[in-house]
PDB file of N, CA and C in Angstrom:
ATOM      1  N   MET A   1      19.016  58.345  14.160  1.00  0.00           N
ATOM      2  CA  MET A   1      20.513  58.434  14.945  1.00  0.00           C
ATOM      3  C   MET A   1      20.079  57.253  16.928  1.00  0.00           C
ATOM      4  N   PRO A   2      20.914  56.869  17.160  1.00  0.00           N
ATOM      5  CA  PRO A   2      20.854  57.117  18.606  1.00  0.00           C
ATOM      6  C   PRO A   2      20.964  57.918  19.607  1.00  0.00           C
ATOM      7  N   LYS A   3      19.871  57.536  20.702  1.00  0.00           N
ATOM      8  CA  LYS A   3      20.570  58.566  21.208  1.00  0.00           C
ATOM      9  C   LYS A   3      22.149  57.936  22.019  1.00  0.00           C
ATOM     10  N   LEU A   4      22.394  59.075  22.830  1.00  0.00           N
ATOM     11  CA  LEU A   4      24.220  58.762  23.107  1.00  0.00           C
ATOM     12  C   LEU A   4      23.539  58.890  25.234  1.00  0.00           C
ATOM     13  N   GLU A   5      24.653  58.089  26.096  1.00  0.00           N
ATOM     14  CA  GLU A   5      24.629  58.335  27.057  1.00  0.00           C
ATOM     15  C   GLU A   5      24.891  59.203  27.361  1.00  0.00           C
ATOM     16  N   GLN A   6      24.829  60.041  28.557  1.00  0.00           N
ATOM     17  CA  GLN A   6      25.432  61.374  28.885  1.00  0.00           C
ATOM     18  C   GLN A   6      25.696  61.315  30.107  1.00  0.00           C
ATOM     19  N   LYS A   7      26.087  60.245  30.912  1.00  0.00           N
ATOM     20  CA  LYS A   7      26.637  60.173  32.252  1.00  0.00           C
ATOM     21  C   LYS A   7      27.063  58.604  32.542  1.00  0.00           C
ATOM     22  N   THR A   8      28.493  58.969  33.669  1.00  0.00           N
ATOM     23  CA  THR A   8      28.345  57.533  33.631  1.00  0.00           C
ATOM     24  C   THR A   8      28.603  57.339  34.617  1.00  0.00           C
ATOM     25  N   ALA A   9      28.979  56.067  35.059  1.00  0.00           N
ATOM     26  CA  ALA A   9      29.048  55.372  37.038  1.00  0.00           C
ATOM     27  C   ALA A   9      29.303  53.703  36.779  1.00  0.00           C
ATOM     28  N   ARG A  10      30.417  54.036  37.820  1.00  0.00           N
ATOM     29  CA  ARG A  10      31.384  52.827  37.761  1.00  0.00           C
ATOM     30  C   ARG A  10      30.353  51.394  38.296  1.00  0.00           C
ATOM     31  N   LEU A  11      31.304  50.092  37.385  1.00  0.00           N
ATOM     32  CA  LEU A  11      30.815  49.347  37.848  1.00  0.00           C
ATOM     33  C   LEU A  11      31.735  48.555  38.320  1.00  0.00           C
ATOM     34  N   THR A  12      32.181  47.459  39.195  1.00  0.00           N
ATOM     35  CA  THR A  12      33.541  46.786  40.031  1.00  0.00           C
ATOM     36  C   THR A  12      32.760  45.657  39.841  1.00  0.00           C
ATOM     37  N   VAL A  13      33.547  44.909  38.952  1.00  0.00           N
ATOM     38  CA  VAL A  13      33.576  43.051  38.700  1.00  0.00           C
ATOM     39  C   VAL A  13      34.781  42.885  39.163  1.00  0.00           C
ATOM     40  N   LEU A  14      34.872  41.672  39.416  1.00  0.00           N
ATOM     41  CA  LEU A  14      36.220  40.621  40.402  1.00  0.00           C
ATOM     42  C   LEU A  14      36.093  39.635  39.666  1.00  0.00           C
ATOM     43  N   ILE A  15      36.936  39.282  39.068  1.00  0.00           N
ATOM     44  CA  ILE A  15      36.968  37.497  38.365  1.00  0.00           C
ATOM     45  C   ILE A  15      39.233  37.292  38.219  1.00  0.00           C
ATOM     46  N   ASP A  16      39.019  36.352  37.930  1.00  0.00           N
ATOM     47  CA  ASP A  16      40.795  35.875  38.211  1.00  0.00           C
ATOM     48  C   ASP A  16      41.393  36.483  36.920  1.00  0.00           C
ATOM     49  N   PRO A  17      42.786  36.724  37.634  1.00  0.00           N
ATOM     50  CA  PRO A  17      43.189  37.255  36.851  1.00  0.00           C
ATOM     51  C   PRO A  17      43.690  37.147  35.732  1.00  0.00           C
ATOM     52  N   SER A  18      44.354  35.746  35.271  1.00  0.00           N
ATOM     53  CA  SER A  18      44.368  34.907  34.081  1.00  0.00           C
ATOM     54  C   SER A  18      43.756  35.423  32.764  1.00  0.00           C
ATOM     55  N   LYS A  19      42.088  35.137  33.640  1.00  0.00           N
ATOM     56  CA  LYS A  19      40.837  35.572  32.510  1.00  0.00           C
ATOM     57  C   LYS A  19      40.789  36.983  32.768  1.00  0.00           C
ATOM     58  N   LYS A  20      41.313  38.252  33.072  1.00  0.00           N
ATOM     59  CA  LYS A  20      41.282  39.742  33.103  1.00  0.00           C
ATOM     60  C   LYS A  20      42.397  39.815  31.820  1.00  0.00           C
ATOM     61  N   ARG A  21      43.748  39.271  32.047  1.00  0.00           N
ATOM     62  CA  ARG A  21      44.471  39.330  31.319  1.00  0.00           C
ATOM     63  C   ARG A  21      44.236  39.074  29.862  1.00  0.00           C
ATOM     64  N   ALA A  22      43.929  37.590  29.724  1.00  0.00           N
ATOM     65  CA  ALA A  22      43.131  37.012  28.878  1.00  0.00           C
ATOM     66  C   ALA A  22      41.804  38.439  27.713  1.00  0.00           C
ATOM     67  N   PHE A  23      41.503  38.622  28.759  1.00  0.00           N
ATOM     68  CA  PHE A  23      40.036  39.740  28.272  1.00  0.00           C
ATOM     69  C   PHE A  23      40.629  41.133  27.487  1.00  0.00           C
ATOM     70  N   GLU A  24      41.858  41.452  28.848  1.00  0.00           N
ATOM     71  CA  GLU A  24      42.578  42.503  27.982  1.00  0.00           C
ATOM     72  C   GLU A  24      43.514  42.504  26.664  1.00  0.00           C
ATOM     73  N   ALA A  25      43.578  41.261  26.571  1.00  0.00           N
ATOM     74  CA  ALA A  25      44.434  41.375  25.429  1.00  0.00           C
ATOM     75  C   ALA A  25      43.705  40.934  24.681  1.00  0.00           C
ATOM     76  N   LEU A  26      42.618  39.876  24.096  1.00  0.00           N
ATOM     77  CA  LEU A  26      42.171  40.341  23.478  1.00  0.00           C
ATOM     78  C   LEU A  26      41.073  41.696  22.837  1.00  0.00           C
ATOM     79  N   CYS A  27      40.567  42.217  23.674  1.00  0.00           N
ATOM     80  CA  CYS A  27      39.622  43.964  23.402  1.00  0.00           C
ATOM     81  C   CYS A  27      41.306  44.549  22.734  1.00  0.00           C
ATOM     82  N   ALA A  28      42.126  43.984  22.647  1.00  0.00           N
ATOM     83  CA  ALA A  28      42.916  45.351  22.493  1.00  0.00           C
ATOM     84  C   ALA A  28      43.373  44.822  21.463  1.00  0.00           C
ATOM     85  N   SER A  29      43.162  43.658  20.859  1.00  0.00           N
ATOM     86  CA  SER A  29      43.788  43.354  19.560  1.00  0.00           C
ATOM     87  C   SER A  29      42.445  43.252  19.036  1.00  0.00           C
ATOM     88  N   LEU A  30      41.501  43.471  19.164  1.00  0.00           N
ATOM     89  CA  LEU A  30      40.270  44.026  18.641  1.00  0.00           C
ATOM     90  C   LEU A  30      40.027  45.283  18.339  1.00  0.00           C
ATOM     91  N   ASP A  31      41.398  46.612  18.624  1.00  0.00           N
ATOM     92  CA  ASP A  31      40.710  47.249  19.285  1.00  0.00           C
ATOM     93  C   ASP A  31      39.772  48.085  19.174  1.00  0.00           C
ATOM     94  N   VAL A  32      39.462  47.319  20.498  1.00  0.00           N
ATOM     95  CA  VAL A  32      38.137  47.570  21.411  1.00  0.00           C
ATOM     96  C   VAL A  32      38.632  48.183  22.991  1.00  0.00           C
ATOM     97  N   THR A  33      38.060  48.752  24.109  1.00  0.00           N
ATOM     98  CA  THR A  33      38.614  48.932  25.548  1.00  0.00           C
ATOM     99  C   THR A  33      37.645  48.073  26.052  1.00  0.00           C
ATOM    100  N   PRO A  34      38.098  46.786  27.029  1.00  0.00           N
ATOM    101  CA  PRO A  34      37.110  45.940  28.292  1.00  0.00           C
ATOM    102  C   PRO A  34      35.887  47.273  28.652  1.00  0.00           C
ATOM    103  N   SER A  35      35.526  47.977  28.609  1.00  0.00           N
ATOM    104  CA  SER A  35      34.486  49.154  29.118  1.00  0.00           C
ATOM    105  C   SER A  35      33.366  48.813  27.487  1.00  0.00           C
ATOM    106  N   GLN A  36      33.570  49.117  26.583  1.00  0.00           N
ATOM    107  CA  GLN A  36      33.552  49.441  25.334  1.00  0.00           C
ATOM    108  C   GLN A  36      32.239  47.547  25.382  1.00  0.00           C
ATOM    109  N   VAL A  37      33.009  46.806  25.736  1.00  0.00           N
ATOM    110  CA  VAL A  37      32.864  45.181  25.621  1.00  0.00           C
ATOM    111  C   VAL A  37      31.820  44.909  26.415  1.00  0.00           C
ATOM    112  N   VAL A  38      32.207  45.488  27.894  1.00  0.00           N
ATOM    113  CA  VAL A  38      31.296  45.144  29.046  1.00  0.00           C
ATOM    114  C   VAL A  38      29.373  45.875  28.893  1.00  0.00           C
ATOM    115  N   ARG A  39      29.742  47.184  28.275  1.00  0.00           N
ATOM    116  CA  ARG A  39      28.818  48.345  28.123  1.00  0.00           C
ATOM    117  C   ARG A  39      27.953  46.866  27.054  1.00  0.00           C
ATOM    118  N   LYS A  40      28.407  46.766  25.568  1.00  0.00           N
ATOM    119  CA  LYS A  40      27.466  46.262  24.747  1.00  0.00           C
ATOM    120  C   LYS A  40      27.198  44.798  25.408  1.00  0.00           C
ATOM    121  N   LEU A  41      27.533  44.399  26.027  1.00  0.00           N
ATOM    122  CA  LEU A  41      27.153  42.975  27.063  1.00  0.00           C
ATOM    123  C   LEU A  41      26.260  43.127  27.877  1.00  0.00           C
ATOM    124  N   ILE A  42      26.010  44.371  27.839  1.00  0.00           N
ATOM    125  CA  ILE A  42      25.299  44.075  29.564  1.00  0.00           C
ATOM    126  C   ILE A  42      23.919  45.063  28.166  1.00  0.00           C
ATOM    127  N   ARG A  43      23.980  45.890  27.077  1.00  0.00           N
ATOM    128  CA  ARG A  43      22.798  46.124  26.245  1.00  0.00           C
ATOM    129  C   ARG A  43      22.322  45.166  25.983  1.00  0.00           C
ATOM    130  N   ASP A  44      23.046  44.040  25.386  1.00  0.00           N
ATOM    131  CA  ASP A  44      22.955  43.218  24.899  1.00  0.00           C
ATOM    132  C   ASP A  44      21.861  41.833  25.587  1.00  0.00           C
ATOM    133  N   TYR A  45      22.287  41.833  26.636  1.00  0.00           N
ATOM    134  CA  TYR A  45      21.769  41.399  28.126  1.00  0.00           C
ATOM    135  C   TYR A  45      20.193  41.656  28.081  1.00  0.00           C
ATOM    136  N   LEU A  46      20.371  42.726  28.798  1.00  0.00           N
ATOM    137  CA  LEU A  46      18.624  43.431  28.948  1.00  0.00           C
ATOM    138  C   LEU A  46      17.497  43.266  27.874  1.00  0.00           C
ATOM    139  N   THR A  47      18.329  43.670  26.649  1.00  0.00           N
ATOM    140  CA  THR A  47      17.553  43.177  25.157  1.00  0.00           C
ATOM    141  C   THR A  47      16.477  41.663  25.579  1.00  0.00           C
ATOM    142  N   GLN A  48      17.766  40.869  25.361  1.00  0.00           N
ATOM    143  CA  GLN A  48      17.342  39.800  25.218  1.00  0.00           C
ATOM    144  C   GLN A  48      16.232  39.181  27.084  1.00  0.00           C
ATOM    145  N   ASN A  49      16.961  39.791  27.735  1.00  0.00           N
ATOM    146  CA  ASN A  49      15.882  39.676  28.616  1.00  0.00           C
ATOM    147  C   ASN A  49      14.188  40.283  28.801  1.00  0.00           C
ATOM    148  N   GLY A  50      14.234  41.771  27.310  1.00  0.00           N
ATOM    149  CA  GLY A  50      13.027  42.113  27.562  1.00  0.00           C
ATOM    150  C   GLY A  50      13.070  43.184  28.719  1.00  0.00           C
ATOM    151  N   VAL A  51      14.555  43.521  29.060  1.00  0.00           N
ATOM    152  CA  VAL A  51      14.502  45.076  29.746  1.00  0.00           C
ATOM    153  C   VAL A  51      14.446  46.259  28.883  1.00  0.00           C
ATOM    154  N   GLN A  52      13.292  47.318  29.374  1.00  0.00           N
ATOM    155  CA  GLN A  52      13.767  48.079  28.011  1.00  0.00           C
ATOM    156  C   GLN A  52      14.049  49.195  29.018  1.00  0.00           C
ATOM    157  N   TRP A  53      14.796  49.951  28.504  1.00  0.00           N
ATOM    158  CA  TRP A  53      15.738  50.674  28.682  1.00  0.00           C
ATOM    159  C   TRP A  53      16.098  51.990  27.679  1.00  0.00           C
ATOM    160  N   THR A  54      16.033  53.710  28.209  1.00  0.00           N
ATOM    161  CA  THR A  54      16.583  54.627  27.392  1.00  0.00           C
ATOM    162  C   THR A  54      17.641  55.125  27.020  1.00  0.00           C
ATOM    163  N   PRO A  55      18.933  55.416  26.340  1.00  0.00           N
ATOM    164  CA  PRO A  55      19.610  55.750  26.775  1.00  0.00           C
ATOM    165  C   PRO A  55      19.652  56.991  27.964  1.00  0.00           C
ATOM    166  N   GLY A  56      20.682  57.250  28.316  1.00  0.00           N
ATOM    167  CA  GLY A  56      20.272  58.685  29.222  1.00  0.00           C
ATOM    168  C   GLY A  56      19.842  58.802  30.173  1.00  0.00           C
ATOM    169  N   ASP A  57      18.492  57.629  30.143  1.00  0.00           N
ATOM    170  CA  ASP A  57      17.730  57.971  32.254  1.00  0.00           C
ATOM    171  C   ASP A  57      18.503  57.510  32.929  1.00  0.00           C
ATOM    172  N   HIS A  58      18.302  58.022  33.607  1.00  0.00           N
ATOM    173  CA  HIS A  58      18.447  57.904  35.317  1.00  0.00           C
ATOM    174  C   HIS A  58      20.138  57.215  35.314  1.00  0.00           C
ATOM    175  N   GLY A  59      21.241  58.003  34.274  1.00  0.00           N
ATOM    176  CA  GLY A  59      22.323  58.446  34.811  1.00  0.00           C
ATOM    177  C   GLY A  59      22.956  56.996  33.903  1.00  0.00           C
ATOM    178  N   GLU A  60      22.571  56.630  32.829  1.00  0.00           N
ATOM    179  CA  GLU A  60      23.502  55.277  32.141  1.00  0.00           C
ATOM    180  C   GLU A  60      24.729  56.187  32.222  1.00  0.00           C
ATOM    181  N   ASP A  61      25.855  54.798  31.061  1.00  0.00           N
ATOM    182  CA  ASP A  61      27.098  55.446  30.788  1.00  0.00           C
ATOM    183  C   ASP A  61      26.710  55.597  29.830  1.00  0.00           C
ATOM    184  N   ASN A  62      28.261  56.619  29.339  1.00  0.00           N
ATOM    185  CA  ASN A  62      28.215  57.713  28.898  1.00  0.00           C
ATOM    186  C   ASN A  62      28.935  57.370  27.244  1.00  0.00           C
ATOM    187  N   ALA A  63      30.313  56.446  27.359  1.00  0.00           N
ATOM    188  CA  ALA A  63      31.385  56.494  26.459  1.00  0.00           C
ATOM    189  C   ALA A  63      31.066  55.836  25.507  1.00  0.00           C
ATOM    190  N   GLY A  64      31.370  56.385  24.492  1.00  0.00           N
ATOM    191  CA  GLY A  64      31.143  55.701  22.890  1.00  0.00           C
ATOM    192  C   GLY A  64      31.887  54.043  22.485  1.00  0.00           C
ATOM    193  N   ASP A  65      30.753  53.605  21.882  1.00  0.00           N
ATOM    194  CA  ASP A  65      30.961  52.301  21.357  1.00  0.00           C
ATOM    195  C   ASP A  65      31.811  52.364  20.171  1.00  0.00           C
ATOM    196  N   ALA A  66      32.329  51.168  19.796  1.00  0.00           N
ATOM    197  CA  ALA A  66      32.966  50.909  18.430  1.00  0.00           C
ATOM    198  C   ALA A  66      31.728  50.367  17.477  1.00  0.00           C
ATOM    199  N   ASP A  67      30.745  50.599  18.167  1.00  0.00           N
ATOM    200  CA  ASP A  67      29.602  49.901  17.163  1.00  0.00           C
ATOM    201  C   ASP A  67      28.866  51.601  17.101  1.00  0.00           C
ATOM    202  N   GLY A  68      28.930  52.441  17.908  1.00  0.00           N
ATOM    203  CA  GLY A  68      28.477  53.161  17.553  1.00  0.00           C
ATOM    204  C   GLY A  68      26.963  53.480  18.309  1.00  0.00           C
ATOM    205  N   GLN A  69      26.944  52.642  19.407  1.00  0.00           N
ATOM    206  CA  GLN A  69      25.297  52.654  20.463  1.00  0.00           C
ATOM    207  C   GLN A  69      25.868  53.383  21.461  1.00  0.00           C
ATOM    208  N   GLY A  70      27.148  54.019  21.840  1.00  0.00           N
ATOM    209  CA  GLY A  70      27.112  54.509  23.150  1.00  0.00           C
ATOM    210  C   GLY A  70      27.706  53.566  24.207  1.00  0.00           C
TER     211      GLY A  70
END
C-alpha cells in the first residue's frame, strides 16, 4: 500500500475565470475535488519527467485522492 502524504502546502495558480468555472464543473460532475485532480496531475508530471519523490517527505500534500494515492 502506498504511503500517504501527511502534511499540506498551498499552491496558488492563476487561470482565467471561465476556465476555472469549467474545471470546477467538470470536477463536480466526476465527483472529485479540484485539489485531487491537481495533485494527480503533479504526481504524473513528476513521474513523466523522472523525478523521484516519496510521499510524506519534505511536507508534501496529504489529502486523500479518489485514486487512493494520496
